[in-house]
C-alpha atoms as a PDB file:
ATOM      1  CA  MET A   1       0.000   0.000   0.000  1.00  0.00           C
ATOM      2  CA  ASN A   2       1.179   3.486  -0.702  1.00  0.00           C
ATOM      3  CA  LEU A   3       0.791   6.648   1.356  1.00  0.00           C
ATOM      4  CA  GLU A   4      -2.056   7.987  -0.803  1.00  0.00           C
ATOM      5  CA  LEU A   5      -4.218   4.933  -0.178  1.00  0.00           C
ATOM      6  CA  ILE A   6      -3.437   4.788   3.532  1.00  0.00           C
ATOM      7  CA  SER A   7      -4.258   8.470   4.043  1.00  0.00           C
ATOM      8  CA  LEU A   8      -7.454   8.095   2.010  1.00  0.00           C
ATOM      9  CA  PHE A   9      -8.492   5.034   4.037  1.00  0.00           C
ATOM     10  CA  VAL A  10      -7.855   6.720   7.405  1.00  0.00           C
ATOM     11  CA  ALA A  11      -9.680   9.908   6.326  1.00  0.00           C
ATOM     12  CA  THR A  12     -12.624   7.855   5.070  1.00  0.00           C
ATOM     13  CA  MET A  13     -12.846   5.773   8.237  1.00  0.00           C
ATOM     14  CA  THR A  14     -12.617   8.692  10.671  1.00  0.00           C
ATOM     15  CA  THR A  15     -15.127  10.750   8.699  1.00  0.00           C
ATOM     16  CA  GLY A  16     -17.412   7.728   8.456  1.00  0.00           C
ATOM     17  CA  LEU A  17     -17.279   7.161  12.202  1.00  0.00           C
ATOM     18  CA  MET A  18     -18.318  10.751  12.823  1.00  0.00           C
ATOM     19  CA  ALA A  19     -21.104  10.412  10.235  1.00  0.00           C
ATOM     20  CA  VAL A  20     -22.427   7.400  12.157  1.00  0.00           C
ATOM     21  CA  ILE A  21     -22.350   9.356  15.414  1.00  0.00           C
ATOM     22  CA  PHE A  22     -24.179  12.317  13.831  1.00  0.00           C
ATOM     23  CA  PHE A  23     -26.727  10.012  12.161  1.00  0.00           C
ATOM     24  CA  THR A  24     -27.399   8.101  15.368  1.00  0.00           C
ATOM     25  CA  TRP A  25     -27.779  11.305  17.365  1.00  0.00           C
ATOM     26  CA  THR A  26     -30.187  12.774  14.828  1.00  0.00           C
ATOM     27  CA  ASN A  27     -32.351   9.688  14.414  1.00  0.00           C
ATOM     28  CA  ALA A  28     -32.279   8.085  17.857  1.00  0.00           C
ATOM     29  CA  VAL A  29     -31.513  10.674  20.514  1.00  0.00           C
ATOM     30  CA  THR A  30     -33.123  13.845  19.194  1.00  0.00           C
ATOM     31  CA  PRO A  31     -36.631  12.402  18.686  1.00  0.00           C
ATOM     32  CA  GLY A  32     -36.557  10.961  22.205  1.00  0.00           C
ATOM     33  CA  ILE A  33     -35.454  14.101  24.001  1.00  0.00           C
ATOM     34  CA  ASP A  34     -37.833  16.183  21.910  1.00  0.00           C
ATOM     35  CA  LYS A  35     -40.685  14.811  24.018  1.00  0.00           C
ATOM     36  CA  LEU A  36     -39.219  16.101  27.312  1.00  0.00           C
ATOM     37  CA  THR A  37     -40.068  19.302  29.117  1.00  0.00           C
ATOM     38  CA  ASP A  38     -37.487  22.079  29.064  1.00  0.00           C
ATOM     39  CA  ARG A  39     -36.131  21.191  32.511  1.00  0.00           C
ATOM     40  CA  GLU A  40     -35.958  17.464  31.711  1.00  0.00           C
ATOM     41  CA  TYR A  41     -34.351  18.269  28.334  1.00  0.00           C
ATOM     42  CA  LEU A  42     -31.599  20.312  29.967  1.00  0.00           C
ATOM     43  CA  SER A  43     -31.007  17.645  32.590  1.00  0.00           C
ATOM     44  CA  ALA A  44     -30.843  14.871  29.970  1.00  0.00           C
ATOM     45  CA  LEU A  45     -28.403  16.769  27.739  1.00  0.00           C
ATOM     46  CA  GLN A  46     -26.129  17.588  30.662  1.00  0.00           C
ATOM     47  CA  ALA A  47     -26.109  13.937  31.729  1.00  0.00           C
ATOM     48  CA  MET A  48     -25.340  12.785  28.164  1.00  0.00           C
ATOM     49  CA  ASN A  49     -22.550  15.347  27.819  1.00  0.00           C
ATOM     50  CA  ARG A  50     -20.916  14.100  31.023  1.00  0.00           C
ATOM     51  CA  VAL A  51     -20.842  10.588  29.568  1.00  0.00           C
ATOM     52  CA  ILE A  52     -20.104  11.367  25.909  1.00  0.00           C
ATOM     53  CA  LEU A  53     -17.401  14.030  26.280  1.00  0.00           C
ATOM     54  CA  ASN A  54     -14.371  11.858  26.961  1.00  0.00           C
ATOM     55  CA  PRO A  55     -10.922  11.411  25.362  1.00  0.00           C
ATOM     56  CA  THR A  56     -12.180   8.780  22.900  1.00  0.00           C
ATOM     57  CA  PHE A  57     -14.923  11.071  21.627  1.00  0.00           C
ATOM     58  CA  TYR A  58     -12.514  14.006  21.304  1.00  0.00           C
ATOM     59  CA  LEU A  59     -10.102  11.826  19.326  1.00  0.00           C
ATOM     60  CA  LEU A  60     -12.878  10.700  16.968  1.00  0.00           C
ATOM     61  CA  PHE A  61     -14.299  14.215  16.686  1.00  0.00           C
ATOM     62  CA  PHE A  62     -11.030  15.935  15.778  1.00  0.00           C
ATOM     63  CA  CYS A  63      -9.486  13.160  13.633  1.00  0.00           C
ATOM     64  CA  PRO A  64     -11.395  14.008  10.428  1.00  0.00           C
ATOM     65  CA  GLY A  65     -10.314  17.621  10.798  1.00  0.00           C
ATOM     66  CA  ILE A  66      -6.716  16.409  10.694  1.00  0.00           C
ATOM     67  CA  THR A  67      -6.912  13.391   8.383  1.00  0.00           C
ATOM     68  CA  LEU A  68      -8.970  15.023   5.619  1.00  0.00           C
ATOM     69  CA  PRO A  69      -6.536  17.909   4.983  1.00  0.00           C
ATOM     70  CA  LEU A  70      -3.599  15.515   5.347  1.00  0.00           C
ATOM     71  CA  ALA A  71      -5.076  13.136   2.757  1.00  0.00           C
ATOM     72  CA  THR A  72      -5.786  16.128   0.515  1.00  0.00           C
ATOM     73  CA  VAL A  73      -2.166  17.270   0.614  1.00  0.00           C
ATOM     74  CA  VAL A  74      -0.800  13.744   0.111  1.00  0.00           C
ATOM     75  CA  ASN A  75      -3.095  13.136  -2.868  1.00  0.00           C
ATOM     76  CA  TYR A  76      -2.269  16.530  -4.393  1.00  0.00           C
ATOM     77  CA  TYR A  77       1.422  15.744  -4.491  1.00  0.00           C
ATOM     78  CA  ALA A  78       0.749  12.262  -5.868  1.00  0.00           C
ATOM     79  CA  GLU A  79      -1.119  13.649  -8.862  1.00  0.00           C
ATOM     80  CA  PRO A  80      -3.889  16.235  -8.813  1.00  0.00           C
ATOM     81  CA  SER A  81      -7.007  14.333  -9.797  1.00  0.00           C
ATOM     82  CA  PHE A  82     -10.683  13.817  -9.064  1.00  0.00           C
ATOM     83  CA  VAL A  83      -9.756  12.226  -5.706  1.00  0.00           C
ATOM     84  CA  PHE A  84      -7.861  15.379  -4.766  1.00  0.00           C
ATOM     85  CA  THR A  85     -10.842  17.559  -5.732  1.00  0.00           C
ATOM     86  CA  VAL A  86     -13.256  15.468  -3.677  1.00  0.00           C
ATOM     87  CA  LEU A  87     -10.906  15.515  -0.673  1.00  0.00           C
ATOM     88  CA  LEU A  88     -10.447  19.268  -0.980  1.00  0.00           C
ATOM     89  CA  VAL A  89     -14.220  19.849  -1.019  1.00  0.00           C
ATOM     90  CA  ALA A  90     -14.697  17.454   1.925  1.00  0.00           C
ATOM     91  CA  SER A  91     -11.952  19.207   3.904  1.00  0.00           C
ATOM     92  CA  VAL A  92     -13.514  22.621   3.329  1.00  0.00           C
ATOM     93  CA  ILE A  93     -17.033  21.422   4.205  1.00  0.00           C
ATOM     94  CA  TYR A  94     -15.993  19.541   7.326  1.00  0.00           C
END
C-alpha cells in the first residue's frame, strides 16, 4: 500500500465514524429528548454530555479535521485528480 491509499483510508474511516455518530444522534436521541419538558431536556443533555465528552470522543471528533486535509495534501502531491478535488471539497465542508 502506498501513502495515498493509507491516508485516504484513514480519512474515510474517521469521517465515516463521525457520520455514524451524527446520524445516530439525529435519528435516535433527538426524537426521544424532543418529548421532554425544558427542565428534563436540559437535565438529559447535561447527563449525556458528562458521559459522551471523553478522550475517545474528542479523538474521533477531531481526527477528520486532521486526516482530511492531510489526505488532501498527500493526494495533491501524488497527482492532482478527481480524488484530490473530492478531498479538498470534503476538507472545506468539514
